Structure formats: C-alpha cells, structure tokens
Amino acid sequence: MTKKVYDLEERTYLFAKNCRLLLYKFPKTTANFEDSKQLIRSSGSIAANYIEANEKLGDKDFKFRLKISRKEAKESILWLRLLRDLNEPFNSQLSNLINEADELRKILSTIINKV
C-alpha cells in the first residue's frame, strides 16, 4: 500500500506523473494516442491550476483556479475510464488512478465549499 501524500501540490504532481508513467506502457493505437494526449493535459492541469491557486491574486482568483483544477480532475476521470475500458491488462492501475482523481476532486470540492 502506498503512503498517502498530504501536501496537495505534491499529490497533484504525483498524480500527473503516475498517469504519464503508465501511458508509456500502452499499445500504440489511435484511440490510446488521442485519449493519452487528453489525459496528459488534464492531469497536468490539475497540478498547475492548484499551484496557481496557491499564488492567488485574491479570494476570487483562488476559488476560480480551484474550480478549474476540479474540472480537470473530472475530465481526467473520463479519459482514464475510456483508457481502462479499452486496455484490459491495465485495468487495476487505471482504476487506482481513477480513484485518486476522484479523491482529488472531492478534496478540491471541500476546499471550494469552505472558501
């Protein structure tokens, strides 16, 4: 079992990194290529927007960046589900990433609701 990272900047970085590391192993099909490109963008955007939120220009900007980060987490779940459904040998790893993306989404939602 992997130890949970509680620094959200680090955790979002690790999520994006783990998505990329897994994608290197995928068969080179058109669907995998296109879905992988989208996942790379959305997973990295979770981290990038969270970092920008922490460098906020005000409360409105902070909340806006968090909402973008949450939106990207939802989008990552979509791409991960598509990849999982088309790449059976990687189901377990993709399911773990889906769970992590959903946890990030929930954490971001909680922060947004408390702001």
Protein backbone atom coordinates (compact mmCIF):
# COMPACT_ATOMS: atom_id res chain seq x y z
CA MET A 1 0.00 0.00 0.00
CA THR A 2 1.29 3.43 -0.95
CA LYS A 3 1.60 6.07 1.75
CA LYS A 4 -0.81 8.98 1.20
CA VAL A 5 0.75 12.33 0.42
CA TYR A 6 -1.00 15.17 2.26
CA ASP A 7 0.81 18.07 0.53
CA LEU A 8 -1.73 18.72 -2.22
CA GLU A 9 0.79 20.35 -4.57
CA GLU A 10 2.95 17.23 -4.34
CA ARG A 11 -0.04 14.91 -4.55
CA THR A 12 -1.35 16.53 -7.74
CA TYR A 13 2.16 16.41 -9.22
CA LEU A 14 2.45 12.70 -8.40
CA PHE A 15 -0.94 12.03 -9.97
CA ALA A 16 0.15 13.68 -13.24
CA LYS A 17 3.48 11.85 -13.13
CA ASN A 18 1.86 8.46 -12.47
CA CYS A 19 -0.55 8.98 -15.36
CA ARG A 20 2.40 9.62 -17.68
CA LEU A 21 4.42 6.66 -16.43
CA LEU A 22 1.51 4.31 -17.09
CA LEU A 23 0.77 5.74 -20.53
CA TYR A 24 4.30 4.84 -21.71
CA LYS A 25 3.28 1.18 -21.47
CA PHE A 26 0.16 1.36 -23.63
CA PRO A 27 -0.20 -0.14 -27.11
CA LYS A 28 0.21 2.49 -29.81
CA THR A 29 -3.34 2.69 -31.16
CA THR A 30 -5.12 5.80 -32.45
CA ALA A 31 -7.59 5.78 -29.55
CA ASN A 32 -4.87 5.31 -26.94
CA PHE A 33 -2.80 8.07 -28.51
CA GLU A 34 -5.65 10.59 -28.55
CA ASP A 35 -7.03 9.68 -25.12
CA SER A 36 -3.50 9.71 -23.67
CA LYS A 37 -2.86 13.21 -25.02
CA GLN A 38 -6.04 14.43 -23.36
CA LEU A 39 -5.16 12.72 -20.07
CA ILE A 40 -1.68 14.23 -20.10
CA ARG A 41 -3.21 17.69 -20.49
CA SER A 42 -5.95 17.32 -17.89
CA SER A 43 -3.82 15.56 -15.25
CA GLY A 44 -1.09 18.19 -15.52
CA SER A 45 -3.67 20.95 -15.41
CA ILE A 46 -4.94 19.75 -12.03
CA ALA A 47 -1.49 20.37 -10.57
CA ALA A 48 -0.78 23.57 -12.49
CA ASN A 49 -4.04 25.23 -11.52
CA TYR A 50 -3.71 24.18 -7.90
CA ILE A 51 -0.25 25.74 -7.78
CA GLU A 52 -1.66 28.92 -9.37
CA ALA A 53 -4.47 28.94 -6.80
CA ASN A 54 -1.87 28.99 -4.04
CA GLU A 55 -0.26 32.03 -5.68
CA LYS A 56 -3.65 33.72 -5.67
CA LEU A 57 -4.27 37.34 -6.51
CA GLY A 58 -7.30 37.33 -4.22
CA ASP A 59 -10.07 35.11 -2.91
CA LYS A 60 -12.00 35.25 -6.20
CA ASP A 61 -8.92 34.13 -8.17
CA PHE A 62 -8.20 31.40 -5.60
CA LYS A 63 -11.69 29.93 -5.94
CA PHE A 64 -11.62 30.25 -9.75
CA ARG A 65 -8.33 28.31 -10.01
CA LEU A 66 -9.59 25.63 -7.64
CA LYS A 67 -12.71 25.20 -9.78
CA ILE A 68 -10.56 24.77 -12.89
CA SER A 69 -8.43 22.22 -11.06
CA ARG A 70 -11.57 20.33 -10.00
CA LYS A 71 -12.93 20.44 -13.57
CA GLU A 72 -9.66 18.95 -14.83
CA ALA A 73 -9.90 16.17 -12.23
CA LYS A 74 -13.35 15.29 -13.56
CA GLU A 75 -12.02 15.33 -17.10
CA SER A 76 -9.11 13.09 -16.11
CA ILE A 77 -11.61 10.56 -14.79
CA LEU A 78 -13.30 10.48 -18.19
CA TRP A 79 -10.03 9.78 -20.08
CA LEU A 80 -8.93 7.21 -17.52
CA ARG A 81 -12.25 5.38 -17.79
CA LEU A 82 -12.03 5.29 -21.59
CA LEU A 83 -8.47 4.00 -21.43
CA ARG A 84 -9.42 1.40 -18.82
CA ASP A 85 -12.33 0.12 -20.88
CA LEU A 86 -10.08 -0.35 -23.92
CA ASN A 87 -6.91 -1.65 -22.25
CA GLU A 88 -7.86 -4.59 -20.05
CA PRO A 89 -4.31 -5.54 -18.98
CA PHE A 90 -4.06 -2.15 -17.23
CA ASN A 91 -7.49 -2.18 -15.51
CA SER A 92 -6.11 -2.30 -11.98
CA GLN A 93 -3.61 0.53 -12.45
CA LEU A 94 -6.17 2.67 -14.27
CA SER A 95 -8.78 2.03 -11.57
CA ASN A 96 -6.27 3.20 -8.95
CA LEU A 97 -5.69 6.40 -10.93
CA ILE A 98 -9.45 6.90 -11.29
CA ASN A 99 -9.80 6.59 -7.52
CA GLU A 100 -7.01 9.10 -6.97
CA ALA A 101 -8.55 11.57 -9.45
CA ASP A 102 -11.88 11.23 -7.67
CA GLU A 103 -10.24 11.80 -4.27
CA LEU A 104 -8.54 14.92 -5.64
CA ARG A 105 -11.90 16.11 -7.00
CA LYS A 106 -13.52 15.62 -3.58
CA ILE A 107 -10.69 17.39 -1.75
CA LEU A 108 -10.89 20.33 -4.16
CA SER A 109 -14.68 20.47 -3.77
CA THR A 110 -14.30 20.60 0.01
CA ILE A 111 -11.79 23.45 -0.23
CA ILE A 112 -14.05 25.35 -2.66
CA ASN A 113 -17.05 24.97 -0.37
CA LYS A 114 -15.10 26.25 2.64
CA VAL A 115 -13.82 29.39 0.83
